[in-house]
Amino acid sequence: MKKMKSTITSISLIGSLFCMLSILGCNSRQSENVQSESDETEVTAAGERTATKYFYINSPNNEGLAEIRLEEGQTLIQTPDKQYFGLLKEDKRKYYDAYDAVQFVIKYKEDGFKLRNHEENLLWKVKYKEGRIKIADNEEMTNAFEMKMKEGGRIKIEQNDEEVLSLRLSSGNSDAKRIGDKYLLRGFDASLTPAILMIDPLKETEKFILIAELLRRGK
């Protein structure tokens, strides 16, 4: 009987020791995972730490043209027939289509960024400084479109120092903002980015990507 009790006690102690070691091991792995996730967030966020934000671009009849969703480290652009996921990798953000193929690449600089196609050929170069945004289809920024906010919330678009367009976002008693009879916007607040919708040489998807990237930077 004493021998049996001794055996049971030994088994119980071994079992307890095993449980303690297992718990310590799990805690260690959890700690490593938390540290890993924290490090990944720090790298991928890269100055873009933000809660999820939504922006809507609709037709005057309130039909959805694009939804832009900004999350920490990634961007989602949804149109009626296409979807793009923008994932941050070091100093680039690659935009993938629904088939996981890269369609666009953003290359970041201190004072702006470049939008490239899937072959990384330049499409548009963007620079921002002192409340102004410049967009051009070449490295030298020749014939760039320049946007700036004027008094009363009016946005002015110039090219080669000549005014191309002047627009004002009207809201009335709603949180939605209208750009003439072309667009109905939600979530944009005081931003220069709606003016991009009015720059004709830009293709529709290019407009949405540039808007998303500038919104991330509070423009």
Protein backbone atom coordinates (compact mmCIF):
# COMPACT_ATOMS: atom_id res chain seq x y z
CA MET A 1 0.00 0.00 0.00
CA LYS A 2 2.79 2.42 0.95
CA LYS A 3 4.61 1.53 -2.26
CA MET A 4 1.46 2.24 -4.29
CA LYS A 5 0.96 5.63 -2.58
CA SER A 6 4.58 6.49 -3.27
CA THR A 7 4.16 5.55 -6.92
CA ILE A 8 0.98 7.65 -7.23
CA THR A 9 2.69 10.60 -5.55
CA SER A 10 5.63 10.33 -7.97
CA ILE A 11 3.32 10.19 -10.96
CA SER A 12 1.39 13.20 -9.64
CA LEU A 13 4.59 15.21 -9.18
CA ILE A 14 5.83 14.30 -12.67
CA GLY A 15 2.44 15.27 -14.12
CA SER A 16 2.48 18.61 -12.31
CA LEU A 17 6.02 19.29 -13.48
CA PHE A 18 5.07 18.48 -17.07
CA CYS A 19 2.07 20.84 -16.91
CA MET A 20 4.21 23.63 -15.51
CA LEU A 21 6.78 23.17 -18.28
CA SER A 22 4.01 23.13 -20.91
CA ILE A 23 2.49 26.35 -19.57
CA LEU A 24 5.88 28.04 -19.49
CA GLY A 25 6.53 26.89 -23.06
CA CYS A 26 3.15 28.20 -24.26
CA ASN A 27 3.69 31.52 -22.52
CA SER A 28 7.12 31.78 -24.11
CA ARG A 29 5.71 31.10 -27.58
CA GLN A 30 2.89 33.56 -27.01
CA SER A 31 5.40 36.17 -25.90
CA GLU A 32 7.47 35.53 -29.02
CA ASN A 33 4.36 35.79 -31.20
CA VAL A 34 3.30 39.05 -29.59
CA GLN A 35 6.81 40.45 -30.06
CA SER A 36 6.83 39.27 -33.68
CA GLU A 37 3.44 40.85 -34.40
CA SER A 38 4.52 44.06 -32.69
CA ASP A 39 7.70 44.21 -34.77
CA GLU A 40 5.76 43.50 -37.97
CA THR A 41 3.28 46.25 -37.17
CA GLU A 42 6.10 48.68 -36.54
CA VAL A 43 7.68 47.92 -39.91
CA THR A 44 4.54 47.70 -42.01
CA ALA A 45 2.89 50.73 -40.44
CA ALA A 46 5.87 52.94 -41.42
CA GLY A 47 4.34 56.17 -40.28
CA GLU A 48 0.83 55.14 -41.27
CA ARG A 49 -0.59 54.10 -37.92
CA THR A 50 -4.27 54.73 -38.31
CA ALA A 51 -7.61 53.27 -37.39
CA THR A 52 -9.65 51.86 -40.25
CA LYS A 53 -11.16 54.66 -42.33
CA TYR A 54 -13.69 54.54 -45.15
CA PHE A 55 -14.11 56.90 -48.10
CA TYR A 56 -16.88 56.69 -50.68
CA ILE A 57 -16.99 58.03 -54.23
CA ASN A 58 -20.46 57.87 -55.77
CA SER A 59 -22.25 59.17 -58.82
CA PRO A 60 -24.67 62.12 -58.45
CA ASN A 61 -27.44 59.50 -58.18
CA ASN A 62 -25.60 57.93 -55.24
CA GLU A 63 -24.49 54.86 -57.19
CA GLY A 64 -21.19 53.49 -55.88
CA LEU A 65 -18.15 54.16 -58.06
CA ALA A 66 -15.44 53.34 -55.52
CA GLU A 67 -14.98 52.53 -51.86
CA ILE A 68 -11.57 53.19 -50.35
CA ARG A 69 -10.71 51.48 -47.07
CA LEU A 70 -7.51 52.41 -45.27
CA GLU A 71 -6.22 50.01 -42.65
CA GLU A 72 -2.91 49.72 -40.86
CA GLY A 73 -0.50 48.37 -43.44
CA GLN A 74 -3.02 47.76 -46.22
CA THR A 75 -5.44 49.50 -48.54
CA LEU A 76 -8.58 48.19 -50.21
CA ILE A 77 -10.09 49.81 -53.29
CA GLN A 78 -13.42 48.37 -54.42
CA THR A 79 -15.22 49.38 -57.61
CA PRO A 80 -18.35 47.79 -59.11
CA ASP A 81 -16.26 45.38 -61.19
CA LYS A 82 -12.75 45.39 -59.69
CA GLN A 83 -10.94 45.03 -56.40
CA TYR A 84 -7.39 45.99 -55.46
CA PHE A 85 -5.44 45.23 -52.29
CA GLY A 86 -2.48 47.47 -51.52
CA LEU A 87 0.07 45.81 -49.25
CA LEU A 88 3.04 47.69 -47.81
CA LYS A 89 6.45 46.06 -48.27
CA GLU A 90 9.44 48.11 -47.10
CA ASP A 91 9.39 51.35 -49.14
CA LYS A 92 6.77 50.14 -51.65
CA ARG A 93 3.10 49.37 -51.69
CA LYS A 94 2.00 46.80 -54.24
CA TYR A 95 -1.58 46.72 -55.43
CA TYR A 96 -2.88 43.24 -56.24
CA ASP A 97 -6.04 42.41 -58.17
CA ALA A 98 -8.56 39.73 -57.19
CA TYR A 99 -6.35 37.10 -58.85
CA ASP A 100 -3.36 38.02 -56.67
CA ALA A 101 -1.48 39.59 -59.58
CA VAL A 102 0.41 42.86 -59.08
CA GLN A 103 -1.16 45.63 -61.15
CA PHE A 104 0.31 48.80 -59.63
CA VAL A 105 3.28 49.73 -57.45
CA ILE A 106 3.76 52.82 -55.28
CA LYS A 107 7.36 53.83 -54.61
CA TYR A 108 7.70 56.25 -51.69
CA LYS A 109 9.93 59.29 -51.35
CA GLU A 110 10.24 61.77 -48.51
CA ASP A 111 8.24 64.45 -50.30
CA GLY A 112 5.93 62.27 -52.37
CA PHE A 113 5.66 59.01 -54.28
CA LYS A 114 5.54 57.47 -57.74
CA LEU A 115 2.78 55.35 -59.23
CA ARG A 116 4.10 52.62 -61.52
CA ASN A 117 2.40 49.88 -63.52
CA HIS A 118 2.98 46.14 -62.98
CA GLU A 119 6.24 46.37 -64.94
CA GLU A 120 7.23 49.29 -62.70
CA ASN A 121 7.16 51.82 -65.53
CA LEU A 122 6.30 55.31 -64.34
CA LEU A 123 2.68 56.36 -64.69
CA TRP A 124 2.50 59.36 -62.37
CA LYS A 125 4.80 61.19 -60.00
CA VAL A 126 3.33 63.01 -57.00
CA LYS A 127 4.98 65.65 -54.84
CA TYR A 128 3.47 67.57 -51.93
CA LYS A 129 4.69 70.59 -49.99
CA GLU A 130 3.14 73.44 -47.99
CA GLY A 131 -0.48 72.61 -48.74
CA ARG A 132 0.09 71.92 -52.42
CA ILE A 133 0.03 68.73 -54.46
CA LYS A 134 1.72 68.32 -57.84
CA ILE A 135 1.04 65.46 -60.25
CA ALA A 136 2.93 64.78 -63.48
CA ASP A 137 3.48 61.87 -65.86
CA ASN A 138 7.26 62.35 -66.00
CA GLU A 139 10.28 62.45 -63.66
CA GLU A 140 11.01 66.12 -64.35
CA MET A 141 7.47 67.15 -63.29
CA THR A 142 7.03 68.96 -66.62
CA ASN A 143 3.45 70.18 -67.28
CA ALA A 144 2.48 69.11 -63.77
CA PHE A 145 -1.03 69.64 -62.44
CA GLU A 146 -0.87 71.62 -59.21
CA MET A 147 -3.67 71.65 -56.63
CA LYS A 148 -4.00 74.04 -53.74
CA MET A 149 -6.69 75.09 -51.29
CA LYS A 150 -7.92 78.66 -51.51
CA GLU A 151 -10.15 80.72 -49.22
CA GLY A 152 -13.64 79.43 -48.58
CA GLY A 153 -12.71 75.82 -49.26
CA ARG A 154 -12.20 76.37 -52.97
CA ILE A 155 -9.71 74.05 -54.68
CA LYS A 156 -7.72 75.46 -57.55
CA ILE A 157 -6.03 73.31 -60.22
CA GLU A 158 -3.27 74.91 -62.27
CA GLN A 159 -0.98 73.73 -65.06
CA ASN A 160 2.04 75.79 -66.11
CA ASP A 161 0.84 78.62 -63.84
CA GLU A 162 -2.50 78.82 -65.62
CA GLU A 163 -5.78 77.93 -63.95
CA VAL A 164 -7.30 74.78 -65.40
CA LEU A 165 -10.21 74.37 -63.03
CA SER A 166 -11.61 75.80 -59.83
CA LEU A 167 -14.06 73.79 -57.78
CA ARG A 168 -15.86 74.00 -54.48
CA LEU A 169 -17.29 71.05 -52.59
CA SER A 170 -20.92 71.68 -51.68
CA SER A 171 -22.46 69.78 -48.78
CA GLY A 172 -25.75 71.49 -47.93
CA ASN A 173 -27.22 69.89 -44.81
CA SER A 174 -25.63 66.50 -45.45
CA ASP A 175 -22.25 64.97 -44.63
CA ALA A 176 -21.98 64.11 -48.34
CA LYS A 177 -20.04 66.52 -50.57
CA ARG A 178 -20.84 67.14 -54.20
CA ILE A 179 -18.48 68.06 -57.00
CA GLY A 180 -20.80 69.78 -59.41
CA ASP A 181 -22.99 67.21 -61.13
CA LYS A 182 -20.28 64.53 -61.37
CA TYR A 183 -19.55 63.06 -57.94
CA LEU A 184 -21.01 62.58 -54.48
CA LEU A 185 -18.37 62.01 -51.81
CA ARG A 186 -18.42 60.82 -48.20
CA GLY A 187 -15.64 60.80 -45.61
CA PHE A 188 -13.30 63.29 -47.26
CA ASP A 189 -13.67 66.32 -44.96
CA ALA A 190 -11.12 69.08 -45.75
CA SER A 191 -8.99 67.36 -48.38
CA LEU A 192 -7.44 68.34 -51.70
CA THR A 193 -7.83 64.83 -53.07
CA PRO A 194 -11.32 65.23 -54.62
CA ALA A 195 -9.75 67.53 -57.23
CA ILE A 196 -7.86 64.50 -58.61
CA LEU A 197 -11.18 63.17 -59.89
CA MET A 198 -11.33 66.14 -62.25
CA ILE A 199 -7.92 65.60 -63.89
CA ASP A 200 -8.88 63.99 -67.20
CA PRO A 201 -5.52 62.44 -68.24
CA LEU A 202 -5.67 60.19 -65.19
CA LYS A 203 -7.44 56.87 -65.67
CA GLU A 204 -10.16 56.00 -63.19
CA THR A 205 -8.21 53.38 -61.21
CA GLU A 206 -5.15 55.65 -61.15
CA LYS A 207 -7.29 58.39 -59.62
CA PHE A 208 -8.54 56.11 -56.87
CA ILE A 209 -5.05 54.88 -55.99
CA LEU A 210 -3.57 58.38 -55.88
CA ILE A 211 -6.46 59.54 -53.71
CA ALA A 212 -5.97 56.62 -51.31
CA GLU A 213 -2.24 57.26 -50.99
CA LEU A 214 -2.69 60.99 -50.37
CA LEU A 215 -5.46 60.42 -47.83
CA ARG A 216 -3.05 58.24 -45.86
CA ARG A 217 -0.79 61.26 -45.58
CA GLY A 218 -3.52 63.62 -44.48
CA LYS A 219 -3.68 65.48 -47.77
